[in-house]
Amino acid sequence: MQRFVTFVVFATALLSAPAILADERPDHFRGAPSESLEQARQNFAETTARIDDVLARGELTPADLAAVHELTYTLENALERIDEEYDRLEEQLEELHLASEGADTERARELGQRYLENARRFLP
């Protein structure tokens, strides 16, 4: 009976979640931090693999759903960091583009090196 009550409470919470606005979501899990791109990539890979493991089990139990829910916080942190780093890379590319377009050799070389250094962090 206890498991049934737990399931009903959890299922009700899941079904009502879409009605809660994103900025009003309770912050009941923090997820692992992603302080750098490297850490974000590692968190993304490891946490995605963990979700894959849970989903591969077949039918999802309330505990499985709770585990996936908690893991999504780490993924959100990782993707936010990755997005910030991609935005920074995009800005560097635009600066390089403008320098090359303006035939500014020295600035293009400097910006190109900065861009390449940052871009390599995204390559396998």
Protein backbone atom coordinates (compact mmCIF):
# COMPACT_ATOMS: atom_id res chain seq x y z
CA MET A 1 0.00 0.00 0.00
CA GLN A 2 2.86 2.37 0.87
CA ARG A 3 4.35 1.88 -2.63
CA PHE A 4 0.99 2.63 -4.23
CA VAL A 5 0.57 5.86 -2.25
CA THR A 6 4.14 6.86 -3.15
CA PHE A 7 3.42 6.12 -6.80
CA VAL A 8 0.19 8.15 -6.78
CA VAL A 9 1.90 11.13 -5.14
CA PHE A 10 4.81 10.99 -7.58
CA ALA A 11 2.57 10.50 -10.62
CA THR A 12 0.38 13.43 -9.57
CA ALA A 13 3.45 15.63 -9.22
CA LEU A 14 4.69 14.60 -12.65
CA LEU A 15 1.34 15.20 -14.32
CA SER A 16 0.97 18.63 -12.78
CA ALA A 17 4.54 19.71 -13.63
CA PRO A 18 3.72 21.20 -17.06
CA ALA A 19 1.28 23.55 -15.39
CA ILE A 20 4.06 25.07 -13.30
CA LEU A 21 5.88 27.90 -15.02
CA ALA A 22 9.62 27.40 -15.51
CA ASP A 23 10.57 30.37 -13.35
CA GLU A 24 8.29 29.13 -10.59
CA ARG A 25 9.73 25.61 -10.51
CA PRO A 26 10.94 24.62 -7.09
CA ASP A 27 14.68 24.17 -6.97
CA HIS A 28 14.65 20.89 -5.06
CA PHE A 29 17.77 19.50 -6.77
CA ARG A 30 20.85 21.44 -7.73
CA GLY A 31 22.57 18.97 -10.01
CA ALA A 32 26.31 18.71 -10.40
CA PRO A 33 27.95 22.02 -11.25
CA SER A 34 29.58 22.68 -14.61
CA GLU A 35 32.20 25.30 -13.84
CA SER A 36 34.09 24.82 -17.12
CA LEU A 37 33.46 23.49 -20.60
CA GLU A 38 35.50 20.40 -19.82
CA GLN A 39 33.48 19.69 -16.69
CA ALA A 40 30.24 20.35 -18.58
CA ARG A 41 31.23 17.91 -21.33
CA GLN A 42 32.11 15.27 -18.75
CA ASN A 43 28.87 15.82 -16.81
CA PHE A 44 26.90 15.72 -20.05
CA ALA A 45 28.46 12.42 -21.19
CA GLU A 46 28.26 10.68 -17.81
CA THR A 47 24.74 11.82 -16.97
CA THR A 48 23.40 11.01 -20.43
CA ALA A 49 24.86 7.51 -20.05
CA ARG A 50 23.17 7.16 -16.66
CA ILE A 51 19.80 8.14 -18.13
CA ASP A 52 20.40 5.67 -20.96
CA ASP A 53 21.00 2.94 -18.36
CA VAL A 54 17.76 3.76 -16.54
CA LEU A 55 15.71 3.82 -19.75
CA ALA A 56 17.24 0.53 -20.93
CA ARG A 57 15.71 -1.27 -17.94
CA GLY A 58 12.35 -1.38 -19.68
CA GLU A 59 9.30 -0.34 -17.73
CA LEU A 60 10.05 2.70 -15.61
CA THR A 61 9.27 2.57 -11.92
CA PRO A 62 8.55 5.63 -9.80
CA ALA A 63 12.11 5.35 -8.50
CA ASP A 64 13.43 5.32 -12.07
CA LEU A 65 11.44 8.44 -12.90
CA ALA A 66 12.72 10.14 -9.76
CA ALA A 67 16.31 9.25 -10.73
CA VAL A 68 15.85 10.61 -14.26
CA HIS A 69 14.26 13.76 -12.86
CA GLU A 70 17.20 14.38 -10.55
CA LEU A 71 19.73 13.71 -13.32
CA THR A 72 18.12 16.30 -15.58
CA TYR A 73 19.32 19.05 -13.23
CA THR A 74 22.93 18.09 -13.91
CA LEU A 75 22.21 18.00 -17.64
CA GLU A 76 20.59 21.43 -17.51
CA ASN A 77 23.69 22.83 -15.79
CA ALA A 78 25.98 21.19 -18.34
CA LEU A 79 24.00 22.39 -21.34
CA GLU A 80 23.82 25.91 -19.95
CA ARG A 81 27.63 26.01 -19.65
CA ILE A 82 28.10 24.49 -23.11
CA ASP A 83 25.69 27.06 -24.57
CA GLU A 84 27.59 29.91 -22.90
CA GLU A 85 30.88 28.60 -24.27
CA TYR A 86 29.44 28.21 -27.78
CA ASP A 87 28.15 31.78 -27.58
CA ARG A 88 31.64 32.95 -26.64
CA LEU A 89 33.10 30.97 -29.56
CA GLU A 90 30.55 32.50 -31.92
CA GLU A 91 31.52 36.00 -30.77
CA GLN A 92 35.20 35.23 -31.37
CA LEU A 93 34.40 33.93 -34.83
CA GLU A 94 32.52 37.11 -35.67
CA GLU A 95 35.48 39.22 -34.55
CA LEU A 96 37.78 37.12 -36.73
CA HIS A 97 35.35 37.44 -39.63
CA LEU A 98 35.31 41.23 -39.36
CA ALA A 99 39.11 41.45 -39.05
CA SER A 100 39.60 39.27 -42.11
CA GLU A 101 36.96 41.18 -44.03
CA GLY A 102 38.72 44.42 -43.15
CA ALA A 103 42.09 43.01 -44.25
CA ASP A 104 43.50 43.63 -40.76
CA THR A 105 46.29 41.06 -40.92
CA GLU A 106 47.66 41.38 -37.39
CA ARG A 107 44.24 41.47 -35.73
CA ALA A 108 43.05 38.53 -37.86
CA ARG A 109 46.11 36.51 -36.79
CA GLU A 110 45.59 37.36 -33.11
CA LEU A 111 41.84 36.72 -33.21
CA GLY A 112 42.33 33.59 -35.30
CA GLN A 113 44.67 32.12 -32.70
CA ARG A 114 42.24 32.93 -29.90
CA TYR A 115 39.38 31.40 -31.91
CA LEU A 116 41.35 28.22 -32.68
CA GLU A 117 42.39 27.79 -29.07
CA ASN A 118 38.78 28.00 -27.95
CA ALA A 119 37.37 25.97 -30.87
CA ARG A 120 39.71 23.04 -30.18
CA ARG A 121 38.05 22.55 -26.81
CA PHE A 122 34.90 21.48 -28.68
CA LEU A 123 36.63 19.00 -30.97
CA PRO A 124 36.86 15.31 -30.07
